[in-house]
C-alpha cells in the first residue's frame, strides 16, 4: 500500500528514465570508441552531471515552495555552502602538488601570507568528515534561520526577502580574503577525490553516476514525504496556514523540518557540482542564481517534483545553447521573458499543465460513460 502510494505512474516513469540515463551514459562513454555516432564525449558527461546537480537543487526548492508554500530566494546559499565544504576537502588533497608546494596550506593562503591553517579547515582532509559538513553546515544554518523566521511567523514576500538578504550577506563575506575561503577566486585547481584524478574519464563518469543516484534517492525521499500524512499537513499549511493552526497543528515545526531537509539536499547538490565543474567561488551565492533556480521550478511545474527536475534540465540546456552564440548578451532578457510567459500563460508549469489536462480528459471520459439519468415516473393521477 505504501509502495503504491509513493510510486504512481509518473514516479515510475521518472525512476525508470533516471536509471536508464545513469547506466547508458557511462556505457556509451566508456565502451564505445570516439568514432562511433553513439559515443558520449567526456565533456558532455560533465555537462550532464552539472544538469543533474541543478535538478537536485530545483527538487529541494520544489519541496518547500510547491508543498509548503515557502518561497526561498536564497537557496543558492545552501548549494554554495555544500560546494565549499567539498571544495575544502579537495583543496586539502592537493598537498605539495600546489604552486607553492606547501604540505598543509592551500596556495591562496600561502599567497596571502597565512602562517597556519585556520581551525575551521581542520578535519577536511578526511572524506567522511567533509561529507558530514556537506550536510551539517547548510542544515544547521537552515535550522537556525528557520527557527527564528517561522516562530516569528514571517511568511510570504517578507520571508523571501530575508532569504535573499541571507545569501547576499554570505556573498559579501566570502568575497573577503581574510574570511579564509579564497576570496574572489574561491577554491580551484583540484587534483584528486578519494585518490582518483578528478579530470580522468572514469572519475567524470563515476561522478555523473553518483549525481544521478543522489537525485534518485532524494526524489524517493520527497515522494515518501509528500504522499504521507505529513505531506498532507504541508499542503494544508500552504493553502491555509491559519486554519491549520486552528486545527491544532504546529505549523512552524512542520515548516522548520522541511526547510532544513531541503537545505541539506541543496548542500548535497553543491558538493556533487564542485568536482565536476572544477571550481567554487562566491558568485554561487549570488541572489540571481537563487532566483534562476526558482524559475526552473516554475517552468517545470510547482508541486510536482518531476516538473522541477525537467524545468532545471530544460532551462539550463537552453542557457548552454543560447549563451554561446549571438544571443548571449540577451540571455537574461530571455530568461525573464520566459518566467513572465510561464506565470501568465502556463501558471501550472509543463508537468502541472499536463496533469491538469489529463485529469480533465479523464473526468470528461467518465462523464460520457455514465448512463443518462432516467426521468422519474409520474405519479398516478
Protein backbone atom coordinates (compact mmCIF):
# COMPACT_ATOMS: atom_id res chain seq x y z
CA UNK A 1 0.00 0.00 0.00
CA UNK A 2 2.81 2.39 0.89
CA UNK A 3 4.72 1.42 -2.25
CA UNK A 4 1.64 2.04 -4.39
CA UNK A 5 1.18 5.46 -2.82
CA UNK A 6 4.79 6.51 -3.44
CA UNK A 7 5.11 5.10 -6.96
CA UNK A 8 2.35 6.41 -9.13
CA UNK A 9 2.64 6.27 -12.90
CA UNK A 10 4.67 9.47 -13.20
CA UNK A 11 7.07 8.44 -10.43
CA UNK A 12 7.66 5.06 -12.06
CA UNK A 13 8.41 6.69 -15.42
CA UNK A 14 10.80 9.15 -13.82
CA UNK A 15 12.69 6.49 -11.85
CA UNK A 16 13.00 4.21 -14.88
CA UNK A 17 14.24 7.02 -17.12
CA UNK A 18 16.73 8.19 -14.50
CA UNK A 19 18.04 4.64 -14.05
CA UNK A 20 18.39 4.26 -17.82
CA UNK A 21 20.35 7.51 -18.10
CA UNK A 22 22.53 6.53 -15.15
CA UNK A 23 23.50 3.29 -16.89
CA UNK A 24 23.54 4.26 -20.57
CA UNK A 25 25.57 7.48 -20.43
CA UNK A 26 28.58 5.87 -18.69
CA UNK A 27 28.42 2.83 -21.00
CA UNK A 28 28.24 4.97 -24.13
CA UNK A 29 31.21 6.98 -22.88
CA UNK A 30 33.46 4.14 -21.73
CA UNK A 31 32.69 1.28 -24.11
CA UNK A 32 32.17 2.96 -27.47
CA UNK A 33 35.07 4.48 -29.45
CA UNK A 34 35.02 8.23 -30.14
CA UNK A 35 34.38 7.50 -33.82
CA UNK A 36 31.02 5.88 -33.01
CA UNK A 37 27.95 8.09 -33.58
CA UNK A 38 26.55 6.87 -30.24
CA UNK A 39 29.67 7.79 -28.25
CA UNK A 40 29.04 10.34 -25.48
CA UNK A 41 32.10 12.62 -25.11
CA UNK A 42 33.55 13.16 -21.66
CA UNK A 43 32.80 16.88 -21.74
CA UNK A 44 29.12 16.06 -22.27
CA UNK A 45 29.21 13.66 -19.32
CA UNK A 46 30.46 16.52 -17.13
CA UNK A 47 27.82 18.85 -18.59
CA UNK A 48 25.04 16.33 -17.94
CA UNK A 49 26.37 15.88 -14.42
CA UNK A 50 26.05 19.61 -13.85
CA UNK A 51 22.46 19.50 -15.09
CA UNK A 52 21.71 16.68 -12.63
CA UNK A 53 23.11 18.76 -9.74
CA UNK A 54 20.93 21.67 -10.79
CA UNK A 55 17.96 19.30 -10.94
CA UNK A 56 18.63 18.23 -7.35
CA UNK A 57 18.72 21.89 -6.30
CA UNK A 58 15.41 22.50 -8.08
CA UNK A 59 13.92 19.44 -6.37
CA UNK A 60 14.88 20.84 -2.97
CA UNK A 61 13.19 24.15 -3.80
CA UNK A 62 10.04 22.45 -5.07
CA UNK A 63 9.75 20.53 -1.81
CA UNK A 64 9.38 23.71 0.23
CA UNK A 65 7.75 26.00 -2.34
CA UNK A 66 5.42 23.58 -4.08
CA UNK A 67 4.20 21.74 -0.98
CA UNK A 68 4.76 24.07 1.99
CA UNK A 69 4.40 27.45 0.30
CA UNK A 70 7.86 28.63 1.41
CA UNK A 71 9.34 30.69 -1.43
CA UNK A 72 13.07 30.83 -0.74
CA UNK A 73 15.04 33.27 -2.87
CA UNK A 74 18.29 32.35 -1.14
CA UNK A 75 18.53 28.59 -1.58
CA UNK A 76 21.69 29.10 -3.60
CA UNK A 77 23.41 29.83 -0.28
CA UNK A 78 22.91 26.23 0.90
CA UNK A 79 24.02 24.97 -2.51
CA UNK A 80 27.20 27.05 -2.29
CA UNK A 81 27.93 26.03 1.32
CA UNK A 82 27.79 22.37 0.37
CA UNK A 83 30.07 23.17 -2.56
CA UNK A 84 32.59 24.96 -0.32
CA UNK A 85 32.63 22.01 2.09
CA UNK A 86 33.54 19.67 -0.76
CA UNK A 87 35.98 22.23 -2.18
CA UNK A 88 37.80 22.41 1.16
CA UNK A 89 38.26 18.65 1.11
CA UNK A 90 39.57 18.76 -2.46
CA UNK A 91 41.98 21.57 -1.57
CA UNK A 92 43.38 19.54 1.34
CA UNK A 93 44.11 16.70 -1.11
CA UNK A 94 46.46 18.84 -3.22
CA UNK A 95 49.31 18.92 -0.66
CA UNK A 96 52.75 19.54 -2.12
CA UNK A 97 51.44 19.44 -5.70
CA UNK A 98 50.27 23.05 -5.41
CA UNK A 99 52.07 26.02 -6.93
CA UNK A 100 53.84 26.80 -3.64
CA UNK A 101 54.26 23.11 -2.67
CA UNK A 102 53.14 23.72 0.90
CA UNK A 103 52.17 20.42 2.58
CA UNK A 104 49.28 21.92 4.61
CA UNK A 105 48.28 25.39 3.46
CA UNK A 106 46.37 25.85 0.18
CA UNK A 107 48.05 28.07 -2.40
CA UNK A 108 45.85 31.09 -1.76
CA UNK A 109 46.75 31.05 1.93
CA UNK A 110 50.47 30.95 1.12
CA UNK A 111 49.99 33.83 -1.32
CA UNK A 112 48.16 35.86 1.37
CA UNK A 113 50.91 35.11 3.95
CA UNK A 114 48.78 32.95 6.23
CA UNK A 115 51.07 31.34 8.80
CA UNK A 116 48.87 28.43 9.85
CA UNK A 117 45.74 26.62 8.80
CA UNK A 118 42.54 28.11 10.29
CA UNK A 119 40.72 25.96 12.82
CA UNK A 120 37.62 25.58 10.65
CA UNK A 121 39.77 23.87 8.00
CA UNK A 122 40.73 21.08 10.41
CA UNK A 123 39.35 17.66 9.57
CA UNK A 124 38.64 18.39 5.91
CA UNK A 125 41.48 16.13 4.84
CA UNK A 126 39.16 13.24 5.73
CA UNK A 127 36.38 12.44 3.28
CA UNK A 128 33.79 11.24 5.88
CA UNK A 129 34.22 14.50 7.83
CA UNK A 130 33.78 16.50 4.61
CA UNK A 131 30.58 14.57 3.80
CA UNK A 132 29.27 15.33 7.27
CA UNK A 133 29.97 19.04 6.79
CA UNK A 134 28.30 18.98 3.36
CA UNK A 135 25.02 18.16 5.10
CA UNK A 136 25.58 19.68 8.55
CA UNK A 137 26.63 23.22 7.59
CA UNK A 138 23.63 24.00 5.33
CA UNK A 139 21.34 22.07 7.66
CA UNK A 140 22.40 23.93 10.81
CA UNK A 141 22.18 27.30 9.07
CA UNK A 142 18.71 26.49 7.75
CA UNK A 143 17.58 25.23 11.16
CA UNK A 144 18.76 28.38 12.97
CA UNK A 145 17.34 30.67 10.31
CA UNK A 146 14.04 28.80 10.16
CA UNK A 147 13.74 28.64 13.96
CA UNK A 148 13.64 32.43 14.22
CA UNK A 149 11.75 33.09 10.99
CA UNK A 150 8.96 30.54 11.35
CA UNK A 151 8.42 31.03 15.06
CA UNK A 152 8.11 34.75 14.37
CA UNK A 153 5.54 33.80 11.72
CA UNK A 154 7.40 35.54 8.93
CA UNK A 155 5.74 34.40 5.71
CA UNK A 156 5.17 35.39 2.13
CA UNK A 157 7.24 38.04 0.44
CA UNK A 158 8.86 39.07 3.72
CA UNK A 159 10.39 35.62 4.15
CA UNK A 160 11.57 35.65 0.53
CA UNK A 161 13.33 38.98 1.05
CA UNK A 162 15.01 37.75 4.23
CA UNK A 163 16.32 34.61 2.50
CA UNK A 164 17.70 36.80 -0.28
CA UNK A 165 19.38 39.03 2.29
CA UNK A 166 20.93 35.94 3.88
CA UNK A 167 22.58 34.76 0.69
CA UNK A 168 23.73 38.30 -0.14
CA UNK A 169 25.37 38.62 3.28
CA UNK A 170 27.21 35.35 2.70
CA UNK A 171 28.23 36.59 -0.73
CA UNK A 172 29.88 39.68 0.78
CA UNK A 173 31.57 37.63 3.48
CA UNK A 174 33.06 35.02 1.15
CA UNK A 175 34.40 37.74 -1.14
CA UNK A 176 36.75 38.91 1.63
CA UNK A 177 40.27 37.50 1.51
CA UNK A 178 40.52 37.35 5.30
CA UNK A 179 37.46 35.10 5.50
CA UNK A 180 39.64 32.09 4.77
CA UNK A 181 37.89 30.72 1.67
CA UNK A 182 39.93 32.08 -1.21
CA UNK A 183 38.22 35.45 -1.59
CA UNK A 184 37.12 36.40 -5.09
CA UNK A 185 38.92 33.48 -6.74
CA UNK A 186 37.39 30.86 -4.47
CA UNK A 187 38.69 27.29 -4.46
CA UNK A 188 40.03 25.63 -7.61
CA UNK A 189 42.90 23.62 -9.13
CA UNK A 190 41.58 20.38 -7.66
CA UNK A 191 43.67 17.23 -8.18
CA UNK A 192 42.14 14.15 -6.57
CA UNK A 193 38.96 12.89 -4.97
CA UNK A 194 39.32 9.69 -2.93
CA UNK A 195 42.67 9.16 -4.63
CA UNK A 196 41.29 9.38 -8.18
CA UNK A 197 42.16 12.14 -10.62
CA UNK A 198 39.15 14.45 -10.93
CA UNK A 199 39.97 15.08 -14.60
CA UNK A 200 40.12 11.40 -15.55
CA UNK A 201 37.41 9.99 -17.78
CA UNK A 202 36.46 7.26 -15.33
CA UNK A 203 36.16 9.77 -12.49
CA UNK A 204 33.89 12.01 -14.55
CA UNK A 205 31.65 9.07 -15.33
CA UNK A 206 31.57 7.97 -11.69
CA UNK A 207 30.66 11.48 -10.52
CA UNK A 208 27.83 11.59 -13.05
CA UNK A 209 26.50 8.23 -11.86
CA UNK A 210 26.73 9.27 -8.20
CA UNK A 211 24.89 12.52 -9.00
CA UNK A 212 22.08 10.59 -10.70
CA UNK A 213 21.90 8.19 -7.76
CA UNK A 214 21.70 11.10 -5.31
CA UNK A 215 18.91 12.67 -7.37
CA UNK A 216 17.01 9.37 -7.36
CA UNK A 217 17.37 8.89 -3.61
CA UNK A 218 16.30 12.46 -2.85
CA UNK A 219 13.36 12.12 -5.23
CA UNK A 220 12.17 8.99 -3.40
CA UNK A 221 12.57 10.74 -0.04
CA UNK A 222 10.49 13.66 -1.29
CA UNK A 223 7.84 11.35 -2.75
CA UNK A 224 7.58 9.42 0.50
CA UNK A 225 7.27 12.68 2.39
CA UNK A 226 4.67 14.44 0.24
CA UNK A 227 2.46 11.35 -0.18
CA UNK A 228 2.29 10.73 3.58
CA UNK A 229 0.11 12.36 6.20
CA UNK A 230 2.99 14.74 6.83
CA UNK A 231 2.75 15.88 3.22
CA UNK A 232 -0.97 16.49 3.53
CA UNK A 233 -0.31 18.75 6.51
CA UNK A 234 2.30 20.63 4.45
CA UNK A 235 -0.25 21.22 1.69
CA UNK A 236 -2.76 22.40 4.29
CA UNK A 237 -0.18 24.85 5.65
CA UNK A 238 0.49 26.07 2.12
CA UNK A 239 -3.19 26.64 1.33
CA UNK A 240 -4.50 27.84 4.70
CA UNK A 241 -1.91 28.16 7.45
CA UNK A 242 -4.16 29.97 9.99
CA UNK A 243 -6.84 27.32 9.63
CA UNK A 244 -4.23 24.55 10.01
CA UNK A 245 -3.00 26.15 13.22
CA UNK A 246 -6.59 26.35 14.44
CA UNK A 247 -6.89 22.59 13.98
CA UNK A 248 -4.03 22.09 16.42
CA UNK A 249 -1.02 21.54 14.13
CA UNK A 250 2.27 23.28 14.95
CA UNK A 251 2.87 24.75 11.52
CA UNK A 252 6.27 26.18 12.42
CA UNK A 253 7.60 22.72 13.32
CA UNK A 254 6.50 21.23 10.01
CA UNK A 255 7.98 24.14 8.07
CA UNK A 256 11.22 24.03 10.04
CA UNK A 257 11.72 20.33 9.35
CA UNK A 258 11.04 20.51 5.64
CA UNK A 259 13.12 23.68 5.24
CA UNK A 260 16.11 22.04 6.95
CA UNK A 261 15.74 18.89 4.85
CA UNK A 262 15.58 20.99 1.70
CA UNK A 263 18.78 22.85 2.68
CA UNK A 264 20.60 19.53 3.24
CA UNK A 265 19.53 18.37 -0.23
CA UNK A 266 20.80 21.62 -1.73
CA UNK A 267 24.13 21.13 0.07
CA UNK A 268 24.49 17.65 -1.43
CA UNK A 269 23.80 19.12 -4.87
CA UNK A 270 26.52 21.72 -4.38
CA UNK A 271 29.01 19.10 -3.16
CA UNK A 272 28.46 16.99 -6.29
CA UNK A 273 28.60 20.07 -8.50
CA UNK A 274 32.06 21.29 -7.44
CA UNK A 275 34.29 18.37 -8.52
CA UNK A 276 32.51 18.25 -11.89
CA UNK A 277 32.96 21.94 -12.75
CA UNK A 278 36.34 22.28 -11.01
CA UNK A 279 35.74 25.49 -9.08
CA UNK A 280 33.65 27.10 -6.35
CA UNK A 281 33.69 30.86 -5.75
CA UNK A 282 31.45 33.47 -4.10
CA UNK A 283 29.47 34.04 -7.29
CA UNK A 284 27.50 30.90 -6.39
CA UNK A 285 25.99 32.93 -3.52
CA UNK A 286 24.61 35.48 -5.97
CA UNK A 287 20.88 36.13 -5.35
CA UNK A 288 20.37 35.93 -9.11
CA UNK A 289 21.32 32.24 -9.02
CA UNK A 290 18.66 31.53 -6.40
CA UNK A 291 16.04 33.41 -8.40
CA UNK A 292 17.02 31.48 -11.52
CA UNK A 293 16.55 28.20 -9.63
CA UNK A 294 13.02 29.30 -8.69
CA UNK A 295 12.36 29.89 -12.40
CA UNK A 296 13.37 26.29 -13.13
CA UNK A 297 10.72 25.07 -10.72
CA UNK A 298 8.08 27.42 -12.13
CA UNK A 299 8.78 26.32 -15.70
CA UNK A 300 8.67 22.62 -14.88
CA UNK A 301 5.70 22.77 -12.55
CA UNK A 302 5.49 23.75 -8.91
CA UNK A 303 4.35 21.00 -6.58
CA UNK A 304 5.09 18.11 -8.96
CA UNK A 305 8.70 17.10 -8.09
CA UNK A 306 9.31 15.67 -11.57
CA UNK A 307 8.48 19.06 -13.04
CA UNK A 308 11.26 20.71 -11.03
CA UNK A 309 13.78 18.26 -12.50
CA UNK A 310 12.50 18.72 -16.04
CA UNK A 311 12.46 22.51 -15.70
CA UNK A 312 16.04 22.60 -14.41
CA UNK A 313 17.32 20.46 -17.28
CA UNK A 314 15.39 22.33 -20.00
CA UNK A 315 16.26 25.83 -18.83
CA UNK A 316 19.93 25.02 -18.33
CA UNK A 317 20.11 23.30 -21.71
CA UNK A 318 18.64 26.45 -23.25
CA UNK A 319 21.16 28.52 -21.30
CA UNK A 320 24.04 26.44 -22.63
CA UNK A 321 22.70 26.76 -26.16
CA UNK A 322 21.89 30.46 -26.23
CA UNK A 323 24.84 31.80 -24.22
CA UNK A 324 27.36 30.54 -26.76
CA UNK A 325 26.10 32.41 -29.83
CA UNK A 326 24.89 35.81 -30.97
CA UNK A 327 22.06 35.71 -28.43
CA UNK A 328 24.44 35.51 -25.46
CA UNK A 329 24.02 39.19 -24.39
CA UNK A 330 20.24 38.75 -24.36
CA UNK A 331 20.02 35.55 -22.32
CA UNK A 332 18.90 37.25 -19.11
CA UNK A 333 16.15 39.06 -21.01
CA UNK A 334 15.05 35.73 -22.49
CA UNK A 335 15.07 34.13 -19.03
CA UNK A 336 12.97 36.95 -17.58
CA UNK A 337 10.57 36.75 -20.50
CA UNK A 338 10.28 33.01 -20.00
CA UNK A 339 9.35 33.49 -16.36
CA UNK A 340 6.73 36.10 -17.24
CA UNK A 341 5.29 33.91 -20.00
CA UNK A 342 5.07 30.89 -17.72
CA UNK A 343 3.45 32.95 -14.96
CA UNK A 344 0.81 34.41 -17.27
CA UNK A 345 0.20 31.64 -19.81
CA UNK A 346 1.33 28.44 -18.08
CA UNK A 347 0.93 29.01 -14.32
CA UNK A 348 0.97 25.27 -13.58
CA UNK A 349 4.22 24.71 -15.46
CA UNK A 350 4.88 22.00 -18.01
CA UNK A 351 4.17 18.94 -15.88
CA UNK A 352 1.41 20.64 -13.89
CA UNK A 353 -0.42 21.61 -17.07
CA UNK A 354 -0.04 18.10 -18.45
CA UNK A 355 -1.50 16.61 -15.28
CA UNK A 356 -4.38 19.10 -15.33
CA UNK A 357 -5.23 18.27 -18.95
CA UNK A 358 -5.05 14.55 -18.21
CA UNK A 359 -7.44 14.94 -15.28
CA UNK A 360 -9.86 16.93 -17.43
CA UNK A 361 -9.80 14.26 -20.15
CA UNK A 362 -10.35 11.55 -17.55
CA UNK A 363 -13.26 13.45 -15.97
CA UNK A 364 -14.79 14.10 -19.40
CA UNK A 365 -14.49 10.43 -20.37
CA UNK A 366 -16.05 9.37 -17.08
CA UNK A 367 -18.94 11.78 -17.58
CA UNK A 368 -19.60 10.43 -21.08
CA UNK A 369 -19.51 6.84 -19.83
CA UNK A 370 -22.23 7.43 -17.27
CA UNK A 371 -25.72 6.40 -18.46
CA UNK A 372 -28.16 9.25 -18.89
CA UNK A 373 -30.40 9.86 -15.91
CA UNK A 374 -33.87 8.36 -16.32
CA UNK A 375 -36.79 10.70 -15.66
CA UNK A 376 -38.76 9.94 -12.52
CA UNK A 377 -42.10 8.21 -13.18
CA UNK A 378 -45.14 10.41 -12.92
CA UNK A 379 -47.43 9.78 -10.00
CA UNK A 380 -50.71 8.11 -10.93
CA UNK A 381 -53.50 10.56 -11.13
